[in-house]
C-alpha atoms as a PDB file:
ATOM      1  CA  MET A   1       9.382  -3.647 -27.912  1.00  0.00           C
ATOM      2  CA  GLY A   2      12.217  -5.323 -27.999  1.00  0.00           C
ATOM      3  CA  GLU A   3      14.636  -3.117 -26.872  1.00  0.00           C
ATOM      4  CA  SER A   4      17.962  -3.631 -24.199  1.00  0.00           C
ATOM      5  CA  LEU A   5      18.320  -3.025 -20.879  1.00  0.00           C
ATOM      6  CA  GLY A   6      21.792  -2.046 -21.369  1.00  0.00           C
ATOM      7  CA  GLY A   7      23.065   0.507 -18.907  1.00  0.00           C
ATOM      8  CA  SER A   8      24.163   3.904 -20.261  1.00  0.00           C
ATOM      9  CA  GLY A   9      27.548   3.235 -18.546  1.00  0.00           C
ATOM     10  CA  GLY A  10      29.713   0.607 -16.768  1.00  0.00           C
ATOM     11  CA  GLY A  11      30.432   0.510 -13.007  1.00  0.00           C
ATOM     12  CA  LEU A  12      29.579   4.254 -11.933  1.00  0.00           C
ATOM     13  CA  SER A  13      31.184   5.102  -8.613  1.00  0.00           C
ATOM     14  CA  ALA A  14      27.978   5.947  -6.377  1.00  0.00           C
ATOM     15  CA  GLU A  15      30.649   9.397  -5.025  1.00  0.00           C
ATOM     16  CA  ALA A  16      31.379  10.320  -8.959  1.00  0.00           C
ATOM     17  CA  PRO A  17      29.820  14.181  -9.586  1.00  0.00           C
ATOM     18  CA  VAL A  18      25.775  12.951 -11.192  1.00  0.00           C
ATOM     19  CA  GLY A  19      27.223  15.359 -14.252  1.00  0.00           C
ATOM     20  CA  VAL A  20      29.111  13.142 -14.972  1.00  0.00           C
ATOM     21  CA  LEU A  21      26.711  10.449 -15.788  1.00  0.00           C
ATOM     22  CA  VAL A  22      24.995  13.350 -17.713  1.00  0.00           C
ATOM     23  CA  GLY A  23      27.594  13.298 -19.692  1.00  0.00           C
ATOM     24  CA  THR A  24      28.192   9.493 -20.188  1.00  0.00           C
ATOM     25  CA  ALA A  25      24.271   9.347 -20.927  1.00  0.00           C
ATOM     26  CA  LEU A  26      24.116  11.983 -23.867  1.00  0.00           C
ATOM     27  CA  THR A  27      27.876  10.157 -25.434  1.00  0.00           C
ATOM     28  CA  LYS A  28      25.961   7.060 -25.429  1.00  0.00           C
ATOM     29  CA  GLY A  29      21.972   8.396 -26.754  1.00  0.00           C
ATOM     30  CA  ALA A  30      23.854  10.521 -29.631  1.00  0.00           C
ATOM     31  CA  ALA A  31      26.075   7.592 -30.796  1.00  0.00           C
ATOM     32  CA  ARG A  32      23.024   5.144 -30.530  1.00  0.00           C
ATOM     33  CA  LEU A  33      20.893   7.812 -32.632  1.00  0.00           C
ATOM     34  CA  GLN A  34      24.182   8.286 -35.410  1.00  0.00           C
ATOM     35  CA  GLY A  35      24.214   4.307 -35.444  1.00  0.00           C
ATOM     36  CA  ALA A  36      20.321   3.955 -35.997  1.00  0.00           C
ATOM     37  CA  VAL A  37      20.309   7.101 -38.852  1.00  0.00           C
ATOM     38  CA  LEU A  38      23.200   4.815 -40.542  1.00  0.00           C
ATOM     39  CA  MET A  39      20.794   2.158 -40.255  1.00  0.00           C
ATOM     40  CA  VAL A  40      18.198   4.097 -42.208  1.00  0.00           C
ATOM     41  CA  GLU A  41      21.043   5.368 -44.931  1.00  0.00           C
ATOM     42  CA  LYS A  42      21.650   1.769 -45.435  1.00  0.00           C
ATOM     43  CA  GLY A  43      18.599   0.296 -45.259  1.00  0.00           C
ATOM     44  CA  GLU A  44      18.655  -2.173 -42.644  1.00  0.00           C
ATOM     45  CA  ASP A  45      15.656  -4.000 -41.072  1.00  0.00           C
ATOM     46  CA  ASP A  46      13.645  -2.154 -38.405  1.00  0.00           C
ATOM     47  CA  ALA A  47      16.121   0.758 -38.791  1.00  0.00           C
ATOM     48  CA  ILE A  48      13.170   3.829 -38.732  1.00  0.00           C
ATOM     49  CA  HIS A  49      12.180   2.143 -35.504  1.00  0.00           C
ATOM     50  CA  GLN A  50      15.642   2.178 -33.940  1.00  0.00           C
ATOM     51  CA  VAL A  51      15.713   5.649 -34.516  1.00  0.00           C
ATOM     52  CA  ARG A  52      12.194   6.549 -33.303  1.00  0.00           C
ATOM     53  CA  VAL A  53      13.665   4.684 -30.353  1.00  0.00           C
ATOM     54  CA  SER A  54      16.814   6.419 -29.895  1.00  0.00           C
ATOM     55  CA  CYS A  55      14.894   9.073 -29.880  1.00  0.00           C
ATOM     56  CA  ARG A  56      12.819   8.665 -26.715  1.00  0.00           C
ATOM     57  CA  ARG A  57      15.988   7.341 -24.513  1.00  0.00           C
ATOM     58  CA  LEU A  58      17.709  10.660 -25.330  1.00  0.00           C
ATOM     59  CA  ARG A  59      14.396  12.432 -24.429  1.00  0.00           C
ATOM     60  CA  SER A  60      14.190  10.429 -21.013  1.00  0.00           C
ATOM     61  CA  ASP A  61      17.918  10.785 -19.764  1.00  0.00           C
ATOM     62  CA  LEU A  62      16.858  15.140 -20.848  1.00  0.00           C
ATOM     63  CA  LYS A  63      13.738  14.490 -18.643  1.00  0.00           C
ATOM     64  CA  LEU A  64      15.698  12.616 -16.054  1.00  0.00           C
ATOM     65  CA  PHE A  65      18.241  14.774 -15.642  1.00  0.00           C
ATOM     66  CA  ARG A  66      16.328  18.280 -16.360  1.00  0.00           C
ATOM     67  CA  LYS A  67      16.399  19.423 -12.865  1.00  0.00           C
ATOM     68  CA  LEU A  68      20.325  19.285 -12.966  1.00  0.00           C
ATOM     69  CA  LEU A  69      20.478  21.300 -16.579  1.00  0.00           C
ATOM     70  CA  ALA A  70      20.924  24.971 -17.133  1.00  0.00           C
ATOM     71  CA  GLY A  71      19.462  26.855 -19.151  1.00  0.00           C
ATOM     72  CA  ASP A  72      16.960  25.708 -21.675  1.00  0.00           C
ATOM     73  CA  TRP A  73      19.034  24.176 -24.133  1.00  0.00           C
ATOM     74  CA  SER A  74      17.000  20.651 -23.368  1.00  0.00           C
ATOM     75  CA  THR A  75      13.611  21.939 -24.083  1.00  0.00           C
ATOM     76  CA  GLY A  76      14.873  22.675 -27.561  1.00  0.00           C
ATOM     77  CA  LEU A  77      16.918  19.632 -27.770  1.00  0.00           C
ATOM     78  CA  ARG A  78      14.084  17.423 -26.668  1.00  0.00           C
ATOM     79  CA  SER A  79      11.184  19.268 -29.122  1.00  0.00           C
ATOM     80  CA  GLU A  80      13.888  18.155 -31.834  1.00  0.00           C
ATOM     81  CA  LEU A  81      14.633  15.165 -31.125  1.00  0.00           C
ATOM     82  CA  SER A  82      10.163  14.239 -31.276  1.00  0.00           C
ATOM     83  CA  ALA A  83       9.564  15.962 -33.799  1.00  0.00           C
ATOM     84  CA  LEU A  84      12.284  13.772 -35.404  1.00  0.00           C
ATOM     85  CA  ALA A  85      10.704  10.193 -33.608  1.00  0.00           C
ATOM     86  CA  ASN A  86       7.430  11.942 -34.602  1.00  0.00           C
ATOM     87  CA  ALA A  87       8.631  11.515 -38.189  1.00  0.00           C
ATOM     88  CA  CYS A  88       9.235   7.981 -37.574  1.00  0.00           C
ATOM     89  CA  GLY A  89       5.964   7.173 -35.969  1.00  0.00           C
ATOM     90  CA  GLU A  90       3.395   6.463 -38.895  1.00  0.00           C
ATOM     91  CA  ALA A  91       5.170   4.270 -40.959  1.00  0.00           C
ATOM     92  CA  ARG A  92       6.157   2.078 -37.600  1.00  0.00           C
ATOM     93  CA  ASP A  93       2.137   2.180 -36.882  1.00  0.00           C
ATOM     94  CA  LEU A  94       1.539   1.397 -40.337  1.00  0.00           C
ATOM     95  CA  GLU A  95       3.758  -1.882 -39.899  1.00  0.00           C
ATOM     96  CA  VAL A  96       2.842  -2.694 -36.351  1.00  0.00           C
ATOM     97  CA  ILE A  97      -1.061  -2.452 -37.708  1.00  0.00           C
ATOM     98  CA  ALA A  98      -0.570  -4.675 -40.950  1.00  0.00           C
ATOM     99  CA  ALA A  99       1.707  -7.470 -38.770  1.00  0.00           C
ATOM    100  CA  LEU A 100      -1.638  -7.770 -36.269  1.00  0.00           C
ATOM    101  CA  VAL A 101      -4.119  -7.314 -39.210  1.00  0.00           C
ATOM    102  CA  ARG A 102      -2.363 -10.995 -40.117  1.00  0.00           C
ATOM    103  CA  GLU A 103      -2.278 -12.350 -36.880  1.00  0.00           C
ATOM    104  CA  THR A 104      -6.163 -11.673 -36.522  1.00  0.00           C
ATOM    105  CA  ALA A 105      -7.834 -12.325 -39.986  1.00  0.00           C
ATOM    106  CA  ASN A 106      -9.104 -15.651 -40.576  1.00  0.00           C
ATOM    107  CA  SER A 107     -11.234 -17.881 -42.322  1.00  0.00           C
ATOM    108  CA  GLU A 108     -13.822 -16.637 -42.096  1.00  0.00           C
ATOM    109  CA  ASP A 109     -13.129 -13.548 -43.225  1.00  0.00           C
ATOM    110  CA  ASP A 110     -13.331 -12.089 -47.176  1.00  0.00           C
ATOM    111  CA  PRO A 111     -10.079 -13.413 -48.209  1.00  0.00           C
ATOM    112  CA  GLU A 112     -10.101 -10.841 -50.467  1.00  0.00           C
ATOM    113  CA  HIS A 113     -11.534  -8.481 -48.412  1.00  0.00           C
ATOM    114  CA  VAL A 114      -8.169  -9.040 -46.543  1.00  0.00           C
ATOM    115  CA  GLU A 115      -6.002  -9.201 -49.440  1.00  0.00           C
ATOM    116  CA  THR A 116      -7.260  -5.308 -50.020  1.00  0.00           C
ATOM    117  CA  ILE A 117      -7.097  -4.014 -46.477  1.00  0.00           C
ATOM    118  CA  LEU A 118      -3.458  -5.191 -46.651  1.00  0.00           C
ATOM    119  CA  THR A 119      -2.749  -3.709 -49.457  1.00  0.00           C
ATOM    120  CA  THR A 120      -3.865  -0.695 -48.731  1.00  0.00           C
ATOM    121  CA  LEU A 121      -1.987  -0.930 -45.089  1.00  0.00           C
ATOM    122  CA  THR A 122       1.582  -1.435 -47.275  1.00  0.00           C
ATOM    123  CA  VAL A 123       0.808   1.099 -49.753  1.00  0.00           C
ATOM    124  CA  GLY A 124       0.575   3.511 -47.074  1.00  0.00           C
ATOM    125  CA  LEU A 125       3.248   1.984 -45.126  1.00  0.00           C
ATOM    126  CA  ASP A 126       5.833   2.134 -48.229  1.00  0.00           C
ATOM    127  CA  ARG A 127       5.233   6.350 -48.701  1.00  0.00           C
ATOM    128  CA  ALA A 128       4.917   6.632 -44.973  1.00  0.00           C
ATOM    129  CA  ALA A 129       8.534   4.949 -44.522  1.00  0.00           C
ATOM    130  CA  LYS A 130       9.980   6.730 -47.502  1.00  0.00           C
ATOM    131  CA  ARG A 131       9.012  10.106 -46.167  1.00  0.00           C
ATOM    132  CA  SER A 132      10.637   8.980 -42.554  1.00  0.00           C
ATOM    133  CA  ALA A 133      13.532   7.999 -44.597  1.00  0.00           C
ATOM    134  CA  GLU A 134      14.200  11.635 -46.525  1.00  0.00           C
ATOM    135  CA  VAL A 135      13.747  13.348 -42.654  1.00  0.00           C
ATOM    136  CA  VAL A 136      16.259  10.730 -40.590  1.00  0.00           C
ATOM    137  CA  THR A 137      18.944  11.506 -43.360  1.00  0.00           C
ATOM    138  CA  GLY A 138      17.532  14.908 -43.991  1.00  0.00           C
ATOM    139  CA  GLU A 139      19.976  18.278 -43.407  1.00  0.00           C
ATOM    140  CA  SER A 140      18.394  19.029 -40.135  1.00  0.00           C
ATOM    141  CA  THR A 141      18.590  15.215 -38.603  1.00  0.00           C
ATOM    142  CA  ALA A 142      22.353  16.108 -39.400  1.00  0.00           C
ATOM    143  CA  GLU A 143      22.653  19.558 -37.475  1.00  0.00           C
ATOM    144  CA  LEU A 144      21.027  17.597 -34.691  1.00  0.00           C
ATOM    145  CA  LEU A 145      23.461  14.768 -34.329  1.00  0.00           C
ATOM    146  CA  GLN A 146      26.020  18.289 -34.687  1.00  0.00           C
ATOM    147  CA  THR A 147      24.077  19.572 -31.305  1.00  0.00           C
ATOM    148  CA  LEU A 148      24.058  16.676 -29.630  1.00  0.00           C
ATOM    149  CA  GLU A 149      27.606  15.854 -29.538  1.00  0.00           C
ATOM    150  CA  VAL A 150      28.879  19.548 -28.698  1.00  0.00           C
ATOM    151  CA  VAL A 151      26.467  19.418 -25.683  1.00  0.00           C
ATOM    152  CA  ALA A 152      27.550  15.312 -24.666  1.00  0.00           C
ATOM    153  CA  ALA A 153      30.376  16.834 -24.695  1.00  0.00           C
ATOM    154  CA  ALA A 154      30.231  19.343 -21.749  1.00  0.00           C
ATOM    155  CA  PRO A 155      26.969  19.887 -20.975  1.00  0.00           C
ATOM    156  CA  ASP A 156      25.553  23.386 -19.514  1.00  0.00           C
ATOM    157  CA  LEU A 157      25.107  22.041 -15.949  1.00  0.00           C
ATOM    158  CA  LYS A 158      23.878  23.407 -12.561  1.00  0.00           C
ATOM    159  CA  PRO A 159      25.799  23.212  -9.270  1.00  0.00           C
ATOM    160  CA  LYS A 160      23.927  20.520  -7.929  1.00  0.00           C
ATOM    161  CA  ALA A 161      25.281  17.767 -10.914  1.00  0.00           C
ATOM    162  CA  SER A 162      28.230  18.297  -8.543  1.00  0.00           C
ATOM    163  CA  LYS A 163      26.650  16.482  -6.008  1.00  0.00           C
ATOM    164  CA  PRO A 164      27.383  12.603  -5.770  1.00  0.00           C
ATOM    165  CA  CYS A 165      25.860  10.165  -8.033  1.00  0.00           C
ATOM    166  CA  GLY A 166      24.576   7.589  -5.070  1.00  0.00           C
ATOM    167  CA  GLU A 167      22.718  10.857  -3.307  1.00  0.00           C
ATOM    168  CA  VAL A 168      21.072  12.416  -6.327  1.00  0.00           C
ATOM    169  CA  LEU A 169      20.065   9.072  -8.656  1.00  0.00           C
ATOM    170  CA  PRO A 170      17.523   7.320  -6.167  1.00  0.00           C
ATOM    171  CA  GLU A 171      15.922  10.591  -6.047  1.00  0.00           C
ATOM    172  CA  LEU A 172      15.566  11.247  -9.506  1.00  0.00           C
ATOM    173  CA  LEU A 173      14.067   7.347  -9.893  1.00  0.00           C
ATOM    174  CA  ALA A 174      12.110   7.923  -7.061  1.00  0.00           C
ATOM    175  CA  ALA A 175      10.318  10.761  -8.610  1.00  0.00           C
ATOM    176  CA  ALA A 176       9.179   8.393 -11.663  1.00  0.00           C
ATOM    177  CA  ASN A 177       7.931   5.971  -9.995  1.00  0.00           C
ATOM    178  CA  VAL A 178       5.904   8.044  -7.964  1.00  0.00           C
ATOM    179  CA  THR A 179       4.745   9.610 -11.237  1.00  0.00           C
ATOM    180  CA  PHE A 180       3.665   6.387 -12.753  1.00  0.00           C
ATOM    181  CA  THR A 181       1.974   4.659  -9.778  1.00  0.00           C
ATOM    182  CA  GLN A 182      -0.169   7.807  -9.455  1.00  0.00           C
ATOM    183  CA  GLU A 183      -1.379   7.465 -12.797  1.00  0.00           C
ATOM    184  CA  ALA A 184      -0.865   3.371 -12.635  1.00  0.00           C
ATOM    185  CA  ASP A 185      -3.214   3.724  -9.636  1.00  0.00           C
ATOM    186  CA  LYS A 186      -6.001   5.120 -11.108  1.00  0.00           C
ATOM    187  CA  LEU A 187      -6.477   2.334 -13.724  1.00  0.00           C
ATOM    188  CA  LYS A 188      -9.233   0.208 -14.106  1.00  0.00           C
ATOM    189  CA  PRO A 189     -11.060  -2.142 -16.686  1.00  0.00           C
ATOM    190  CA  TRP A 190     -13.154   0.654 -18.409  1.00  0.00           C
ATOM    191  CA  THR A 191     -10.861   3.274 -18.120  1.00  0.00           C
ATOM    192  CA  VAL A 192     -10.154   4.884 -21.570  1.00  0.00           C
ATOM    193  CA  ASP A 193      -7.674   4.162 -23.596  1.00  0.00           C
ATOM    194  CA  ASP A 194      -5.754   7.414 -24.175  1.00  0.00           C
ATOM    195  CA  ASP A 195      -5.587   6.862 -19.935  1.00  0.00           C
ATOM    196  CA  TRP A 196      -3.750   3.444 -20.300  1.00  0.00           C
ATOM    197  CA  HIS A 197      -1.351   4.632 -22.777  1.00  0.00           C
ATOM    198  CA  GLU A 198       0.063   7.762 -20.836  1.00  0.00           C
ATOM    199  CA  VAL A 199       0.599   4.873 -18.052  1.00  0.00           C
ATOM    200  CA  ARG A 200       2.732   2.726 -20.701  1.00  0.00           C
ATOM    201  CA  LEU A 201       4.946   6.350 -21.991  1.00  0.00           C
ATOM    202  CA  LEU A 202       5.355   6.340 -18.098  1.00  0.00           C
ATOM    203  CA  ALA A 203       6.001   2.847 -17.476  1.00  0.00           C
ATOM    204  CA  LYS A 204       8.516   3.611 -20.353  1.00  0.00           C
ATOM    205  CA  ARG A 205      10.136   6.559 -18.803  1.00  0.00           C
ATOM    206  CA  VAL A 206      10.729   4.688 -15.410  1.00  0.00           C
ATOM    207  CA  ARG A 207      12.641   1.745 -17.852  1.00  0.00           C
ATOM    208  CA  TYR A 208      14.561   4.040 -19.151  1.00  0.00           C
ATOM    209  CA  ALA A 209      15.676   5.993 -16.246  1.00  0.00           C
ATOM    210  CA  ALA A 210      16.429   3.056 -14.508  1.00  0.00           C
ATOM    211  CA  ASP A 211      18.070   1.822 -17.082  1.00  0.00           C
ATOM    212  CA  THR A 212      20.232   4.963 -17.095  1.00  0.00           C
ATOM    213  CA  SER A 213      20.698   4.734 -13.237  1.00  0.00           C
ATOM    214  CA  ALA A 214      21.971   1.456 -13.210  1.00  0.00           C
ATOM    215  CA  ALA A 215      25.775   2.126 -14.092  1.00  0.00           C
ATOM    216  CA  VAL A 216      25.777   3.405 -10.229  1.00  0.00           C
ATOM    217  CA  LEU A 217      22.871   2.209  -8.665  1.00  0.00           C
ATOM    218  CA  GLY A 218      23.144  -1.059  -9.523  1.00  0.00           C
ATOM    219  CA  ASP A 219      21.031  -4.633  -9.533  1.00  0.00           C
ATOM    220  CA  GLU A 220      18.097  -2.313  -7.437  1.00  0.00           C
ATOM    221  CA  ALA A 221      17.794   0.081 -10.147  1.00  0.00           C
ATOM    222  CA  LYS A 222      18.223  -3.092 -13.601  1.00  0.00           C
ATOM    223  CA  ALA A 223      14.857  -4.797 -10.906  1.00  0.00           C
ATOM    224  CA  THR A 224      13.058  -1.619 -11.196  1.00  0.00           C
ATOM    225  CA  ALA A 225      13.803  -1.646 -15.455  1.00  0.00           C
ATOM    226  CA  THR A 226      13.106  -4.854 -15.781  1.00  0.00           C
ATOM    227  CA  GLN A 227       9.814  -4.492 -14.232  1.00  0.00           C
ATOM    228  CA  ALA A 228       9.185  -1.003 -16.008  1.00  0.00           C
ATOM    229  CA  ALA A 229       9.863  -3.601 -18.912  1.00  0.00           C
ATOM    230  CA  LYS A 230       7.201  -6.229 -18.063  1.00  0.00           C
ATOM    231  CA  TYR A 231       4.251  -2.947 -17.937  1.00  0.00           C
ATOM    232  CA  GLN A 232       5.550  -1.495 -21.010  1.00  0.00           C
ATOM    233  CA  GLU A 233       5.217  -4.511 -22.678  1.00  0.00           C
ATOM    234  CA  LEU A 234       1.634  -5.361 -21.530  1.00  0.00           C
ATOM    235  CA  LEU A 235       0.724  -1.658 -22.325  1.00  0.00           C
ATOM    236  CA  GLY A 236       2.611  -1.909 -25.428  1.00  0.00           C
ATOM    237  CA  GLN A 237       0.222  -4.826 -26.500  1.00  0.00           C
ATOM    238  CA  HIS A 238      -2.413  -2.737 -25.746  1.00  0.00           C
ATOM    239  CA  GLN A 239      -1.598   0.190 -27.093  1.00  0.00           C
ATOM    240  CA  ASP A 240      -1.220  -1.692 -30.645  1.00  0.00           C
ATOM    241  CA  HIS A 241      -4.386  -3.040 -30.215  1.00  0.00           C
ATOM    242  CA  CYS A 242      -6.049   0.352 -30.098  1.00  0.00           C
ATOM    243  CA  ALA A 243      -3.868   1.866 -33.039  1.00  0.00           C
ATOM    244  CA  ALA A 244      -5.233  -1.200 -35.318  1.00  0.00           C
ATOM    245  CA  ALA A 245      -8.625  -0.860 -34.249  1.00  0.00           C
ATOM    246  CA  ASP A 246      -8.570   2.810 -34.714  1.00  0.00           C
ATOM    247  CA  ALA A 247      -7.203   2.821 -38.091  1.00  0.00           C
ATOM    248  CA  LEU A 248      -9.523  -0.236 -39.603  1.00  0.00           C
ATOM    249  CA  THR A 249     -12.256   2.243 -38.372  1.00  0.00           C
ATOM    250  CA  ALA A 250     -11.027   4.713 -40.181  1.00  0.00           C
ATOM    251  CA  MET A 251     -11.337   2.400 -43.349  1.00  0.00           C
ATOM    252  CA  ALA A 252     -14.185   1.283 -42.719  1.00  0.00           C
ATOM    253  CA  ALA A 253     -15.778   4.714 -42.887  1.00  0.00           C
ATOM    254  CA  ASP A 254     -13.983   4.709 -46.186  1.00  0.00           C
ATOM    255  CA  ALA A 255     -15.060   1.962 -47.476  1.00  0.00           C
ATOM    256  CA  ALA A 256     -18.504   2.553 -46.674  1.00  0.00           C
ATOM    257  CA  ALA A 257     -17.774   5.992 -48.337  1.00  0.00           C
ATOM    258  CA  GLN A 258     -17.669   4.200 -51.161  1.00  0.00           C
ATOM    259  CA  ASP A 259     -20.289   2.143 -51.322  1.00  0.00           C
ATOM    260  CA  ASP A 260     -18.615  -0.931 -50.279  1.00  0.00           C
ATOM    261  CA  PRO A 261     -20.519  -2.259 -47.421  1.00  0.00           C
ATOM    262  CA  GLU A 262     -19.360  -5.785 -47.465  1.00  0.00           C
ATOM    263  CA  LEU A 263     -15.499  -4.349 -47.419  1.00  0.00           C
ATOM    264  CA  SER A 264     -16.974  -1.947 -44.721  1.00  0.00           C
ATOM    265  CA  PHE A 265     -18.458  -5.091 -42.600  1.00  0.00           C
ATOM    266  CA  THR A 266     -15.097  -6.640 -43.350  1.00  0.00           C
ATOM    267  CA  LEU A 267     -13.091  -4.150 -41.398  1.00  0.00           C
ATOM    268  CA  GLY A 268     -15.798  -3.610 -38.712  1.00  0.00           C
ATOM    269  CA  ARG A 269     -15.570  -7.630 -37.934  1.00  0.00           C
ATOM    270  CA  LEU A 270     -11.552  -6.731 -37.155  1.00  0.00           C
ATOM    271  CA  THR A 271     -11.695  -3.790 -35.887  1.00  0.00           C
ATOM    272  CA  GLU A 272     -13.677  -5.565 -33.115  1.00  0.00           C
ATOM    273  CA  ARG A 273     -11.322  -8.631 -32.481  1.00  0.00           C
ATOM    274  CA  HIS A 274      -8.543  -5.517 -31.794  1.00  0.00           C
ATOM    275  CA  ARG A 275     -11.264  -3.953 -29.468  1.00  0.00           C
ATOM    276  CA  ALA A 276     -11.669  -7.189 -27.360  1.00  0.00           C
ATOM    277  CA  ALA A 277      -7.681  -8.211 -27.139  1.00  0.00           C
ATOM    278  CA  ARG A 278      -7.244  -5.180 -25.334  1.00  0.00           C
ATOM    279  CA  LYS A 279      -9.365  -6.846 -22.260  1.00  0.00           C
ATOM    280  CA  PRO A 280      -7.069  -9.892 -21.586  1.00  0.00           C
ATOM    281  CA  LEU A 281      -4.370  -7.419 -21.376  1.00  0.00           C
ATOM    282  CA  ARG A 282      -6.099  -4.883 -19.419  1.00  0.00           C
ATOM    283  CA  GLU A 283      -6.423  -7.769 -16.684  1.00  0.00           C
ATOM    284  CA  GLU A 284      -3.518  -9.548 -17.231  1.00  0.00           C
ATOM    285  CA  PHE A 285      -1.727  -5.660 -16.722  1.00  0.00           C
ATOM    286  CA  LEU A 286      -4.253  -4.702 -13.497  1.00  0.00           C
ATOM    287  CA  THR A 287      -3.465  -8.128 -11.969  1.00  0.00           C
ATOM    288  CA  LEU A 288       0.781  -7.663 -12.401  1.00  0.00           C
ATOM    289  CA  TYR A 289       0.803  -4.334 -11.248  1.00  0.00           C
ATOM    290  CA  HIS A 290      -1.147  -5.018  -7.725  1.00  0.00           C
ATOM    291  CA  ARG A 291       0.649  -7.919  -7.106  1.00  0.00           C
ATOM    292  CA  PRO A 292       2.117  -8.000  -3.666  1.00  0.00           C
END
């Protein structure tokens, strides 16, 4: 979850056309993604995750500026970025789940069962990471980077993009905030996991929107990004436990089908710990969110 809060540009004038910021954001986003791809090619740690983050940030900027973009080119671009991010998803999820299992396993658990579970997760992670790397370093990603470079240099914009940043950005950021608060207001301790996950995604969208806007709006937007990051952190931890519980439940079903009830029992114990971990995180989020 440790993503930078650095803005998309430094000290852009509020009087500058907002279209300038669109180009700046896309240029920086393309460079960030290119750097992440190079990390994968070099086999560096956290590379797959950085590709995923870079795709999400670019998609967030395209969504933030969608009413300023002419034509339908951004729709296809967002779809390609989504596909690339999804190709990196399984590896990242398994990495997080394995780390959580190591963290939550204790002396009450059969050590051989824990080792079996971790081995299964690690083997799956290695295979998923290899598949992700093949996609990231493949021809389709190279073509996507070329497209981003061309688009960022001269994005096709609507006339509204000629309006001053100081006039347009507050409206765009406010719209992202409204969408987030509408859904966050509905959350209750008993709300289903998927709804909590959706609010997490909306918090991330506010964070990225504020991060991009901070190039013009300054401290106010930075404060919004910082607050959204706090929400995202809590909800990210919540989602990690949900994903771990789901994965372990599936493994327990497989163990039962293979007539290994003892392993299935251990998996069930671990699953319940992750489900129980949701409660304090939900309470902490609701306290923070509703704090005056």
